[in-house]
Amino acid sequence: MPGRWLFWLLAAFPMAFAQEGLEGAALVQALQKGGYVIYFRHAATDFSQADTDAPALQDCGKQRNLNEAGRAQARAIGEAFRALKIPVGSVLASPYCRTRETAQLAFGRFEVSEEIRGGSGPARAEALRRLLAVVPPPGTNTVLVAHQFNLRDAAEVNLAEGEAAIFRPLGPDGFRLVARVLAEGWAGLPVR
């Protein structure tokens, strides 16, 4: 029972445990300079659908896909990034249709990465930890679009659909969570 209580406490107050809290104008300024890894959970999906054939990831008819609200979320995220002048370098997406569509609608491009494919387990968690620790090329941010379980296992962070966790990569020293932004939160950040 104590473990369950601690889980819900951490889920409810995730920023209390971040080493550096960036928000508002400070967050925008930091992201405009680049150097961060921004991990998005895919945008809102249709929960009446289910993933029925994991090996057939090109067949979107056998997966839970974005709904219209999710498509609007993804477009709005991309519009906010452009308005905020946040530079984006690499955009990596899990091979699932919902992550690829989120990345395409928000950023207009992506590369599929098996390292952030959905699922949980130690190997997937370690692969994501390595990606979160990689410093992007100067003046850019790396975007990862994937799933809830990957990040939960790698960094003990649970995200809502469309939510982002922003990490400062520290190379061999790992990474540090610096902010979280809900899908709707990007539009409310100050344009500088």
C-alpha atoms as a PDB file:
ATOM      1  CA  MET A   1       0.000   0.000   0.000  1.00  0.00           C
ATOM      2  CA  PRO A   2       2.762   2.586   0.762  1.00  0.00           C
ATOM      3  CA  GLY A   3       4.213   2.060  -2.738  1.00  0.00           C
ATOM      4  CA  ARG A   4       0.881   2.896  -4.353  1.00  0.00           C
ATOM      5  CA  TRP A   5       0.544   6.033  -2.207  1.00  0.00           C
ATOM      6  CA  LEU A   6       4.032   7.189  -3.202  1.00  0.00           C
ATOM      7  CA  PHE A   7       3.278   6.564  -6.894  1.00  0.00           C
ATOM      8  CA  TRP A   8       0.189   8.817  -6.776  1.00  0.00           C
ATOM      9  CA  LEU A   9       2.052  11.491  -4.825  1.00  0.00           C
ATOM     10  CA  LEU A  10       4.838  11.572  -7.419  1.00  0.00           C
ATOM     11  CA  ALA A  11       2.319  11.622 -10.278  1.00  0.00           C
ATOM     12  CA  ALA A  12       0.426  14.528  -8.716  1.00  0.00           C
ATOM     13  CA  PHE A  13       3.482  16.656  -7.921  1.00  0.00           C
ATOM     14  CA  PRO A  14       6.174  15.792 -10.480  1.00  0.00           C
ATOM     15  CA  MET A  15       7.843  19.214 -10.594  1.00  0.00           C
ATOM     16  CA  ALA A  16       8.572  19.141  -6.879  1.00  0.00           C
ATOM     17  CA  PHE A  17      11.356  16.686  -7.672  1.00  0.00           C
ATOM     18  CA  ALA A  18      12.920  18.481 -10.643  1.00  0.00           C
ATOM     19  CA  GLN A  19      16.407  19.871 -10.096  1.00  0.00           C
ATOM     20  CA  GLU A  20      15.867  22.973 -12.235  1.00  0.00           C
ATOM     21  CA  GLY A  21      12.414  24.397 -12.675  1.00  0.00           C
ATOM     22  CA  LEU A  22      11.978  26.462 -15.820  1.00  0.00           C
ATOM     23  CA  GLU A  23       8.657  28.082 -16.638  1.00  0.00           C
ATOM     24  CA  GLY A  24       7.156  30.990 -18.543  1.00  0.00           C
ATOM     25  CA  ALA A  25       9.600  33.404 -20.172  1.00  0.00           C
ATOM     26  CA  ALA A  26      12.633  31.620 -18.680  1.00  0.00           C
ATOM     27  CA  LEU A  27      11.548  28.363 -20.314  1.00  0.00           C
ATOM     28  CA  VAL A  28      10.994  30.037 -23.691  1.00  0.00           C
ATOM     29  CA  GLN A  29      14.402  31.760 -23.537  1.00  0.00           C
ATOM     30  CA  ALA A  30      16.147  28.521 -22.641  1.00  0.00           C
ATOM     31  CA  LEU A  31      14.459  26.583 -25.451  1.00  0.00           C
ATOM     32  CA  GLN A  32      15.224  29.349 -27.964  1.00  0.00           C
ATOM     33  CA  LYS A  33      18.933  28.874 -27.204  1.00  0.00           C
ATOM     34  CA  GLY A  34      18.658  25.134 -27.801  1.00  0.00           C
ATOM     35  CA  GLY A  35      20.345  22.297 -25.993  1.00  0.00           C
ATOM     36  CA  TYR A  36      17.285  20.426 -24.674  1.00  0.00           C
ATOM     37  CA  VAL A  37      15.554  17.135 -25.357  1.00  0.00           C
ATOM     38  CA  ILE A  38      11.777  17.575 -25.524  1.00  0.00           C
ATOM     39  CA  TYR A  39       9.884  14.318 -25.020  1.00  0.00           C
ATOM     40  CA  PHE A  40       6.246  14.359 -26.130  1.00  0.00           C
ATOM     41  CA  ARG A  41       3.709  11.686 -25.422  1.00  0.00           C
ATOM     42  CA  HIS A  42       1.631  11.402 -28.606  1.00  0.00           C
ATOM     43  CA  ALA A  43      -1.413  13.687 -28.862  1.00  0.00           C
ATOM     44  CA  ALA A  44      -4.970  12.665 -27.863  1.00  0.00           C
ATOM     45  CA  THR A  45      -6.179   9.310 -29.166  1.00  0.00           C
ATOM     46  CA  ASP A  46      -9.392   7.408 -29.764  1.00  0.00           C
ATOM     47  CA  PHE A  47      -9.634   4.973 -26.850  1.00  0.00           C
ATOM     48  CA  SER A  48     -12.376   3.004 -28.616  1.00  0.00           C
ATOM     49  CA  GLN A  49      -9.535   1.672 -30.785  1.00  0.00           C
ATOM     50  CA  ALA A  50      -6.859  -0.763 -29.641  1.00  0.00           C
ATOM     51  CA  ASP A  51      -3.426  -1.931 -30.723  1.00  0.00           C
ATOM     52  CA  THR A  52      -4.230  -5.389 -32.048  1.00  0.00           C
ATOM     53  CA  ASP A  53      -1.162  -6.367 -34.088  1.00  0.00           C
ATOM     54  CA  ALA A  54       2.097  -4.942 -32.714  1.00  0.00           C
ATOM     55  CA  PRO A  55       4.308  -6.308 -35.519  1.00  0.00           C
ATOM     56  CA  ALA A  56       2.146  -4.592 -38.194  1.00  0.00           C
ATOM     57  CA  LEU A  57       2.987  -1.007 -37.251  1.00  0.00           C
ATOM     58  CA  GLN A  58       2.472   0.299 -40.788  1.00  0.00           C
ATOM     59  CA  ASP A  59      -1.191  -0.767 -40.610  1.00  0.00           C
ATOM     60  CA  CYS A  60      -2.879   2.096 -38.768  1.00  0.00           C
ATOM     61  CA  GLY A  61      -6.197   0.222 -38.884  1.00  0.00           C
ATOM     62  CA  LYS A  62      -4.847  -2.142 -36.219  1.00  0.00           C
ATOM     63  CA  GLN A  63      -3.813   0.585 -33.776  1.00  0.00           C
ATOM     64  CA  ARG A  64      -5.197   3.255 -31.467  1.00  0.00           C
ATOM     65  CA  ASN A  65      -4.916   6.444 -33.511  1.00  0.00           C
ATOM     66  CA  LEU A  66      -5.188  10.177 -32.995  1.00  0.00           C
ATOM     67  CA  ASN A  67      -8.705  11.547 -32.797  1.00  0.00           C
ATOM     68  CA  GLU A  68      -9.648  14.962 -34.217  1.00  0.00           C
ATOM     69  CA  ALA A  69      -8.793  16.651 -30.907  1.00  0.00           C
ATOM     70  CA  GLY A  70      -5.363  15.003 -31.034  1.00  0.00           C
ATOM     71  CA  ARG A  71      -4.749  16.222 -34.558  1.00  0.00           C
ATOM     72  CA  ALA A  72      -5.710  19.743 -33.486  1.00  0.00           C
ATOM     73  CA  GLN A  73      -3.405  19.431 -30.444  1.00  0.00           C
ATOM     74  CA  ALA A  74      -0.459  18.401 -32.611  1.00  0.00           C
ATOM     75  CA  ARG A  75      -1.028  21.252 -35.077  1.00  0.00           C
ATOM     76  CA  ALA A  76      -1.333  23.760 -32.214  1.00  0.00           C
ATOM     77  CA  ILE A  77       1.937  22.537 -30.683  1.00  0.00           C
ATOM     78  CA  GLY A  78       3.709  23.079 -33.995  1.00  0.00           C
ATOM     79  CA  GLU A  79       2.178  26.534 -34.422  1.00  0.00           C
ATOM     80  CA  ALA A  80       3.288  27.478 -30.908  1.00  0.00           C
ATOM     81  CA  PHE A  81       6.860  26.267 -31.544  1.00  0.00           C
ATOM     82  CA  ARG A  82       7.022  28.415 -34.671  1.00  0.00           C
ATOM     83  CA  ALA A  83       5.524  31.460 -32.917  1.00  0.00           C
ATOM     84  CA  LEU A  84       7.908  31.015 -29.979  1.00  0.00           C
ATOM     85  CA  LYS A  85      10.850  30.545 -32.369  1.00  0.00           C
ATOM     86  CA  ILE A  86      11.945  27.322 -30.674  1.00  0.00           C
ATOM     87  CA  PRO A  87      14.572  25.701 -32.927  1.00  0.00           C
ATOM     88  CA  VAL A  88      14.060  22.003 -33.599  1.00  0.00           C
ATOM     89  CA  GLY A  89      16.817  19.719 -34.854  1.00  0.00           C
ATOM     90  CA  SER A  90      16.153  15.993 -34.953  1.00  0.00           C
ATOM     91  CA  VAL A  91      12.572  14.776 -34.572  1.00  0.00           C
ATOM     92  CA  LEU A  92      12.388  11.089 -33.663  1.00  0.00           C
ATOM     93  CA  ALA A  93       9.100   9.206 -33.474  1.00  0.00           C
ATOM     94  CA  SER A  94       8.128   5.748 -32.330  1.00  0.00           C
ATOM     95  CA  PRO A  95       6.979   3.600 -35.271  1.00  0.00           C
ATOM     96  CA  TYR A  96       3.335   3.630 -34.104  1.00  0.00           C
ATOM     97  CA  CYS A  97       0.924   5.605 -36.299  1.00  0.00           C
ATOM     98  CA  ARG A  98      -0.182   7.930 -33.466  1.00  0.00           C
ATOM     99  CA  THR A  99       3.385   9.048 -32.746  1.00  0.00           C
ATOM    100  CA  ARG A 100       4.309   9.463 -36.394  1.00  0.00           C
ATOM    101  CA  GLU A 101       1.155  11.488 -37.067  1.00  0.00           C
ATOM    102  CA  THR A 102       1.767  13.683 -34.006  1.00  0.00           C
ATOM    103  CA  ALA A 103       5.329  14.416 -35.161  1.00  0.00           C
ATOM    104  CA  GLN A 104       4.283  15.104 -38.761  1.00  0.00           C
ATOM    105  CA  LEU A 105       1.437  17.447 -37.816  1.00  0.00           C
ATOM    106  CA  ALA A 106       3.493  19.341 -35.228  1.00  0.00           C
ATOM    107  CA  PHE A 107       6.920  19.499 -36.865  1.00  0.00           C
ATOM    108  CA  GLY A 108       6.368  18.562 -40.507  1.00  0.00           C
ATOM    109  CA  ARG A 109       8.976  15.801 -40.399  1.00  0.00           C
ATOM    110  CA  PHE A 110      10.321  12.915 -38.372  1.00  0.00           C
ATOM    111  CA  GLU A 111      12.569   9.874 -38.427  1.00  0.00           C
ATOM    112  CA  VAL A 112      11.249   6.599 -37.042  1.00  0.00           C
ATOM    113  CA  SER A 113      13.253   5.323 -34.079  1.00  0.00           C
ATOM    114  CA  GLU A 114      12.926   1.790 -32.756  1.00  0.00           C
ATOM    115  CA  GLU A 115      14.693   3.000 -29.592  1.00  0.00           C
ATOM    116  CA  ILE A 116      11.515   4.783 -28.497  1.00  0.00           C
ATOM    117  CA  ARG A 117       9.029   2.185 -29.712  1.00  0.00           C
ATOM    118  CA  GLY A 118       6.157   1.630 -27.288  1.00  0.00           C
ATOM    119  CA  GLY A 119       6.468  -0.859 -24.475  1.00  0.00           C
ATOM    120  CA  SER A 120       8.201  -1.185 -21.182  1.00  0.00           C
ATOM    121  CA  GLY A 121      11.147  -3.048 -19.785  1.00  0.00           C
ATOM    122  CA  PRO A 122      14.769  -2.470 -18.810  1.00  0.00           C
ATOM    123  CA  ALA A 123      16.201  -2.507 -22.349  1.00  0.00           C
ATOM    124  CA  ARG A 124      13.725   0.100 -23.641  1.00  0.00           C
ATOM    125  CA  ALA A 125      14.239   2.247 -20.536  1.00  0.00           C
ATOM    126  CA  GLU A 126      18.016   2.176 -20.965  1.00  0.00           C
ATOM    127  CA  ALA A 127      17.759   3.060 -24.675  1.00  0.00           C
ATOM    128  CA  LEU A 128      15.604   6.084 -23.819  1.00  0.00           C
ATOM    129  CA  ARG A 129      17.946   7.157 -21.013  1.00  0.00           C
ATOM    130  CA  ARG A 130      20.787   7.208 -23.537  1.00  0.00           C
ATOM    131  CA  LEU A 131      18.738   9.401 -25.923  1.00  0.00           C
ATOM    132  CA  LEU A 132      17.748  11.802 -23.132  1.00  0.00           C
ATOM    133  CA  ALA A 133      21.431  12.281 -22.257  1.00  0.00           C
ATOM    134  CA  VAL A 134      22.560  13.219 -25.801  1.00  0.00           C
ATOM    135  CA  VAL A 135      23.249  16.942 -26.158  1.00  0.00           C
ATOM    136  CA  PRO A 136      21.693  18.258 -29.413  1.00  0.00           C
ATOM    137  CA  PRO A 137      23.767  20.158 -31.986  1.00  0.00           C
ATOM    138  CA  PRO A 138      24.319  23.811 -30.969  1.00  0.00           C
ATOM    139  CA  GLY A 139      21.274  26.049 -31.335  1.00  0.00           C
ATOM    140  CA  THR A 140      18.769  23.193 -31.642  1.00  0.00           C
ATOM    141  CA  ASN A 141      16.531  21.021 -29.496  1.00  0.00           C
ATOM    142  CA  THR A 142      15.871  17.335 -30.089  1.00  0.00           C
ATOM    143  CA  VAL A 143      12.221  16.239 -30.120  1.00  0.00           C
ATOM    144  CA  LEU A 144      11.151  12.700 -29.243  1.00  0.00           C
ATOM    145  CA  VAL A 145       7.526  11.661 -29.816  1.00  0.00           C
ATOM    146  CA  ALA A 146       6.659   8.399 -28.117  1.00  0.00           C
ATOM    147  CA  HIS A 147       4.588   6.843 -25.356  1.00  0.00           C
ATOM    148  CA  GLN A 148       3.828   7.071 -21.650  1.00  0.00           C
ATOM    149  CA  PHE A 149       5.420   3.784 -20.560  1.00  0.00           C
ATOM    150  CA  ASN A 150       8.820   4.507 -22.093  1.00  0.00           C
ATOM    151  CA  LEU A 151       9.293   7.674 -20.085  1.00  0.00           C
ATOM    152  CA  ARG A 152       7.773   6.259 -16.926  1.00  0.00           C
ATOM    153  CA  ASP A 153      10.292   3.421 -16.961  1.00  0.00           C
ATOM    154  CA  ALA A 154      13.277   5.587 -17.949  1.00  0.00           C
ATOM    155  CA  ALA A 155      12.691   8.692 -15.821  1.00  0.00           C
ATOM    156  CA  GLU A 156       9.716   7.993 -13.533  1.00  0.00           C
ATOM    157  CA  VAL A 157       7.639  10.639 -15.324  1.00  0.00           C
ATOM    158  CA  ASN A 158       4.017  10.016 -16.357  1.00  0.00           C
ATOM    159  CA  LEU A 159       2.672  12.254 -19.117  1.00  0.00           C
ATOM    160  CA  ALA A 160      -0.846  12.991 -20.314  1.00  0.00           C
ATOM    161  CA  GLU A 161      -1.519  12.663 -24.028  1.00  0.00           C
ATOM    162  CA  GLY A 162       0.137  15.583 -25.813  1.00  0.00           C
ATOM    163  CA  GLU A 163       2.148  16.596 -22.750  1.00  0.00           C
ATOM    164  CA  ALA A 164       5.900  17.241 -22.972  1.00  0.00           C
ATOM    165  CA  ALA A 165       8.719  16.672 -20.517  1.00  0.00           C
ATOM    166  CA  ILE A 166      11.749  18.855 -21.151  1.00  0.00           C
ATOM    167  CA  PHE A 167      15.171  17.532 -20.207  1.00  0.00           C
ATOM    168  CA  ARG A 168      18.605  19.083 -19.990  1.00  0.00           C
ATOM    169  CA  PRO A 169      20.922  16.386 -21.383  1.00  0.00           C
ATOM    170  CA  LEU A 170      24.127  15.984 -19.379  1.00  0.00           C
ATOM    171  CA  GLY A 171      26.048  13.593 -21.615  1.00  0.00           C
ATOM    172  CA  PRO A 172      27.735  10.883 -19.541  1.00  0.00           C
ATOM    173  CA  ASP A 173      26.105  12.302 -16.394  1.00  0.00           C
ATOM    174  CA  GLY A 174      22.596  11.515 -17.676  1.00  0.00           C
ATOM    175  CA  PHE A 175      19.837  14.110 -17.856  1.00  0.00           C
ATOM    176  CA  ARG A 176      17.723  16.374 -15.672  1.00  0.00           C
ATOM    177  CA  LEU A 177      14.006  17.139 -15.923  1.00  0.00           C
ATOM    178  CA  VAL A 178      13.587  20.920 -16.108  1.00  0.00           C
ATOM    179  CA  ALA A 179       9.940  21.432 -17.090  1.00  0.00           C
ATOM    180  CA  ARG A 180       6.662  19.869 -18.131  1.00  0.00           C
ATOM    181  CA  VAL A 181       4.195  21.495 -20.518  1.00  0.00           C
ATOM    182  CA  LEU A 182       0.669  20.272 -21.226  1.00  0.00           C
ATOM    183  CA  ALA A 183      -0.390  20.219 -24.877  1.00  0.00           C
ATOM    184  CA  GLU A 184      -2.483  23.361 -24.335  1.00  0.00           C
ATOM    185  CA  GLY A 185       0.283  25.061 -22.343  1.00  0.00           C
ATOM    186  CA  TRP A 186       2.513  25.948 -25.307  1.00  0.00           C
ATOM    187  CA  ALA A 187       0.035  28.534 -26.612  1.00  0.00           C
ATOM    188  CA  GLY A 188       0.086  30.309 -23.241  1.00  0.00           C
ATOM    189  CA  LEU A 189       3.859  30.788 -23.125  1.00  0.00           C
ATOM    190  CA  PRO A 190       5.069  34.363 -23.740  1.00  0.00           C
ATOM    191  CA  VAL A 191       6.256  35.130 -27.257  1.00  0.00           C
ATOM    192  CA  ARG A 192       9.606  36.920 -27.090  1.00  0.00           C
END
